[in-house]
N, C-alpha and C. Protein backbone atom coordinates (compact mmCIF):
# COMPACT_ATOMS: atom_id res chain seq x y z
N MET A 1 5.04 1.19 -21.50
CA MET A 1 5.91 2.31 -21.78
C MET A 1 7.38 1.89 -21.70
N LEU A 2 7.74 1.21 -20.63
CA LEU A 2 9.13 0.83 -20.43
C LEU A 2 9.58 -0.24 -21.43
N GLN A 3 8.65 -1.10 -21.85
CA GLN A 3 9.01 -2.13 -22.83
C GLN A 3 9.30 -1.51 -24.19
N LYS A 4 8.61 -0.44 -24.54
CA LYS A 4 8.85 0.23 -25.82
C LYS A 4 10.17 0.98 -25.82
N ASP A 5 10.49 1.62 -24.68
CA ASP A 5 11.71 2.41 -24.59
C ASP A 5 12.37 2.18 -23.23
N PRO A 6 13.29 1.22 -23.13
CA PRO A 6 13.93 0.91 -21.85
C PRO A 6 14.80 2.05 -21.30
N THR A 7 15.09 3.05 -22.13
CA THR A 7 15.91 4.17 -21.67
C THR A 7 15.07 5.31 -21.11
N ASN A 8 13.76 5.15 -21.10
CA ASN A 8 12.86 6.18 -20.59
C ASN A 8 13.00 6.27 -19.07
N PHE A 9 13.62 7.36 -18.62
CA PHE A 9 13.88 7.53 -17.20
C PHE A 9 12.60 7.63 -16.38
N GLN A 10 11.62 8.36 -16.87
CA GLN A 10 10.37 8.53 -16.14
C GLN A 10 9.64 7.20 -15.97
N ALA A 11 9.63 6.39 -17.01
CA ALA A 11 8.98 5.09 -16.92
C ALA A 11 9.71 4.18 -15.94
N THR A 12 11.03 4.25 -15.95
CA THR A 12 11.83 3.45 -15.01
C THR A 12 11.56 3.88 -13.58
N LEU A 13 11.54 5.18 -13.34
CA LEU A 13 11.27 5.70 -12.00
C LEU A 13 9.87 5.32 -11.54
N LEU A 14 8.90 5.39 -12.43
CA LEU A 14 7.53 5.01 -12.09
C LEU A 14 7.45 3.53 -11.70
N LYS A 15 8.14 2.68 -12.46
CA LYS A 15 8.15 1.25 -12.16
C LYS A 15 8.78 0.98 -10.79
N ILE A 16 9.89 1.65 -10.51
CA ILE A 16 10.57 1.48 -9.22
C ILE A 16 9.65 1.89 -8.08
N MET A 17 8.99 3.02 -8.23
CA MET A 17 8.09 3.51 -7.18
C MET A 17 6.92 2.54 -6.97
N LYS A 18 6.34 2.05 -8.04
CA LYS A 18 5.21 1.13 -7.93
C LYS A 18 5.63 -0.20 -7.29
N GLU A 19 6.80 -0.71 -7.66
CA GLU A 19 7.28 -1.96 -7.07
C GLU A 19 7.58 -1.78 -5.59
N TYR A 20 8.13 -0.63 -5.21
CA TYR A 20 8.39 -0.36 -3.80
C TYR A 20 7.09 -0.29 -3.01
N GLN A 21 6.10 0.44 -3.55
CA GLN A 21 4.80 0.54 -2.87
C GLN A 21 4.15 -0.82 -2.74
N TYR A 22 4.26 -1.64 -3.75
CA TYR A 22 3.70 -2.99 -3.70
C TYR A 22 4.39 -3.82 -2.62
N SER A 23 5.73 -3.66 -2.51
CA SER A 23 6.47 -4.48 -1.55
C SER A 23 6.08 -4.18 -0.11
N TRP A 24 5.84 -2.93 0.22
CA TRP A 24 5.48 -2.64 1.62
C TRP A 24 3.98 -2.54 1.83
N GLY A 25 3.22 -2.21 0.80
CA GLY A 25 1.79 -2.04 0.97
C GLY A 25 0.99 -3.31 0.80
N ILE A 26 1.40 -4.17 -0.09
CA ILE A 26 0.65 -5.39 -0.37
C ILE A 26 1.34 -6.62 0.24
N ARG A 27 2.62 -6.78 -0.08
CA ARG A 27 3.34 -7.96 0.41
C ARG A 27 3.77 -7.81 1.86
N ALA A 28 3.78 -6.60 2.39
CA ALA A 28 4.17 -6.30 3.77
C ALA A 28 5.61 -6.73 4.05
N ASP A 29 6.51 -6.38 3.13
CA ASP A 29 7.92 -6.71 3.30
C ASP A 29 8.58 -5.95 4.44
N ASN A 30 7.94 -4.89 4.93
CA ASN A 30 8.54 -4.05 5.95
C ASN A 30 8.15 -4.44 7.37
N THR A 31 7.70 -5.66 7.57
CA THR A 31 7.29 -6.10 8.89
C THR A 31 8.38 -6.94 9.55
N PRO A 32 8.40 -7.00 10.87
CA PRO A 32 9.39 -7.85 11.55
C PRO A 32 9.24 -9.32 11.16
N GLU A 33 8.01 -9.75 10.90
CA GLU A 33 7.80 -11.15 10.51
C GLU A 33 8.48 -11.46 9.18
N ALA A 34 8.41 -10.53 8.24
CA ALA A 34 9.08 -10.74 6.95
C ALA A 34 10.59 -10.76 7.12
N ALA A 35 11.11 -9.90 7.99
CA ALA A 35 12.55 -9.87 8.24
C ALA A 35 13.02 -11.19 8.84
N LYS A 36 12.26 -11.70 9.81
CA LYS A 36 12.64 -12.98 10.43
C LYS A 36 12.58 -14.12 9.42
N TYR A 37 11.56 -14.09 8.54
CA TYR A 37 11.42 -15.12 7.51
C TYR A 37 12.64 -15.13 6.59
N LEU A 38 13.18 -13.94 6.31
CA LEU A 38 14.35 -13.84 5.43
C LEU A 38 15.66 -14.09 6.16
N GLY A 39 15.59 -14.31 7.48
CA GLY A 39 16.79 -14.64 8.23
C GLY A 39 17.46 -13.45 8.91
N TYR A 40 16.84 -12.29 8.86
CA TYR A 40 17.41 -11.11 9.52
C TYR A 40 17.10 -11.15 11.01
N VAL A 41 17.92 -10.48 11.79
CA VAL A 41 17.65 -10.36 13.21
C VAL A 41 17.22 -8.93 13.49
N THR A 42 16.37 -8.78 14.47
CA THR A 42 15.89 -7.44 14.83
C THR A 42 16.71 -6.94 16.03
N SER A 43 16.56 -5.68 16.31
CA SER A 43 17.27 -5.11 17.46
C SER A 43 16.80 -5.76 18.75
N LYS A 44 15.54 -6.18 18.80
CA LYS A 44 15.03 -6.85 20.00
C LYS A 44 15.69 -8.22 20.18
N ASP A 45 16.05 -8.87 19.07
CA ASP A 45 16.76 -10.14 19.16
C ASP A 45 18.19 -9.92 19.67
N LEU A 46 18.81 -8.84 19.22
CA LEU A 46 20.20 -8.57 19.60
C LEU A 46 20.32 -8.04 21.02
N TYR A 47 19.36 -7.23 21.42
CA TYR A 47 19.40 -6.58 22.74
C TYR A 47 18.08 -6.81 23.47
N PRO A 48 17.82 -8.01 23.95
CA PRO A 48 16.53 -8.32 24.56
C PRO A 48 16.26 -7.57 25.87
N ASP A 49 17.31 -7.15 26.57
CA ASP A 49 17.13 -6.47 27.85
C ASP A 49 16.94 -4.96 27.71
N LEU A 50 17.15 -4.43 26.53
CA LEU A 50 17.02 -2.99 26.32
C LEU A 50 15.55 -2.58 26.33
N GLU A 51 15.25 -1.52 27.07
CA GLU A 51 13.88 -1.04 27.12
C GLU A 51 13.66 -0.03 25.99
N TYR A 52 12.66 -0.28 25.18
CA TYR A 52 12.37 0.57 24.04
C TYR A 52 11.24 1.53 24.38
N THR A 53 11.27 2.70 23.76
CA THR A 53 10.19 3.66 23.90
C THR A 53 9.41 3.66 22.60
N LYS A 54 8.14 3.38 22.67
CA LYS A 54 7.31 3.43 21.48
C LYS A 54 7.20 4.87 20.99
N PHE A 55 7.13 5.04 19.68
CA PHE A 55 7.04 6.39 19.13
C PHE A 55 5.81 7.11 19.65
N GLU A 56 4.71 6.39 19.78
CA GLU A 56 3.47 7.00 20.28
C GLU A 56 3.66 7.53 21.70
N ASP A 57 4.36 6.76 22.54
CA ASP A 57 4.62 7.19 23.91
C ASP A 57 5.54 8.42 23.94
N PHE A 58 6.57 8.41 23.09
CA PHE A 58 7.47 9.54 23.00
C PHE A 58 6.72 10.79 22.56
N LEU A 59 5.89 10.65 21.53
CA LEU A 59 5.14 11.78 21.01
C LEU A 59 4.17 12.33 22.05
N LYS A 60 3.50 11.44 22.75
CA LYS A 60 2.55 11.85 23.79
C LYS A 60 3.28 12.64 24.88
N GLU A 61 4.42 12.13 25.30
CA GLU A 61 5.20 12.81 26.34
C GLU A 61 5.66 14.19 25.87
N MET A 62 6.07 14.30 24.62
CA MET A 62 6.52 15.59 24.08
C MET A 62 5.36 16.58 23.99
N LEU A 63 4.21 16.11 23.56
CA LEU A 63 3.05 16.99 23.43
C LEU A 63 2.54 17.47 24.78
N GLU A 64 2.78 16.69 25.82
CA GLU A 64 2.38 17.08 27.17
C GLU A 64 3.41 18.00 27.82
N GLY A 65 4.48 18.32 27.10
CA GLY A 65 5.48 19.25 27.61
C GLY A 65 6.63 18.60 28.34
N GLY A 66 6.66 17.32 28.44
CA GLY A 66 7.75 16.62 29.10
C GLY A 66 8.71 16.04 28.10
N GLY A 67 9.60 15.24 28.57
CA GLY A 67 10.52 14.54 27.69
C GLY A 67 11.64 15.41 27.18
N HIS A 68 12.50 14.80 26.41
CA HIS A 68 13.66 15.48 25.85
C HIS A 68 13.65 15.28 24.34
N THR A 69 14.18 16.25 23.64
CA THR A 69 14.30 16.09 22.20
C THR A 69 15.38 15.05 21.91
N VAL A 70 15.35 14.50 20.73
CA VAL A 70 16.24 13.39 20.40
C VAL A 70 17.71 13.79 20.51
N TYR A 71 18.09 14.95 19.98
CA TYR A 71 19.50 15.36 19.98
C TYR A 71 19.76 16.50 20.96
N GLU A 72 19.06 16.52 22.07
CA GLU A 72 19.18 17.60 23.05
C GLU A 72 20.61 17.72 23.57
N HIS A 73 21.29 16.61 23.70
CA HIS A 73 22.66 16.63 24.23
C HIS A 73 23.64 17.33 23.29
N LEU A 74 23.25 17.59 22.04
CA LEU A 74 24.14 18.25 21.08
C LEU A 74 23.88 19.74 20.96
N LYS A 75 22.86 20.28 21.62
CA LYS A 75 22.51 21.69 21.49
C LYS A 75 23.69 22.60 21.82
N GLY A 76 24.29 22.42 22.95
CA GLY A 76 25.37 23.28 23.37
C GLY A 76 26.64 23.10 22.54
N LEU A 77 26.83 21.94 21.99
CA LEU A 77 28.03 21.65 21.20
C LEU A 77 28.10 22.55 19.97
N TYR A 78 27.00 22.72 19.26
CA TYR A 78 26.99 23.53 18.04
C TYR A 78 27.17 25.00 18.39
N GLN A 79 26.54 25.47 19.45
CA GLN A 79 26.63 26.88 19.82
C GLN A 79 28.03 27.24 20.30
N GLN A 80 28.76 26.30 20.89
CA GLN A 80 30.11 26.57 21.36
C GLN A 80 31.08 26.76 20.20
N LYS A 81 30.84 26.13 19.05
CA LYS A 81 31.77 26.19 17.92
C LYS A 81 31.64 27.47 17.13
N LYS A 82 30.58 28.25 17.33
CA LYS A 82 30.39 29.49 16.55
C LYS A 82 31.39 30.54 16.92
C-alpha cells in the first residue's frame, strides 16, 4: 500500500505502529540489556544507592489500603489556589 502511494497517511501510520510493535515485542528493544548494549545508562547505574519500589509492591500496598498516592503532596496546593 505504502509503496503505491507514499502520501497515504493511514498506510504510513500502520507501518509506524507495526515497526514499533516489532521493536518491543520481537526484538525486545525496551529492555535494560538492549539499552546497555546501545551505550545508554540506566537510573540504577546513575544512582546505585537509591532504593527503588517495584510497581507490583506499590500496587499491592495501595490495594491493601496503605501507602501514599504518587502526587499526594500536591493535593493541598491545588485546593489552596481556588
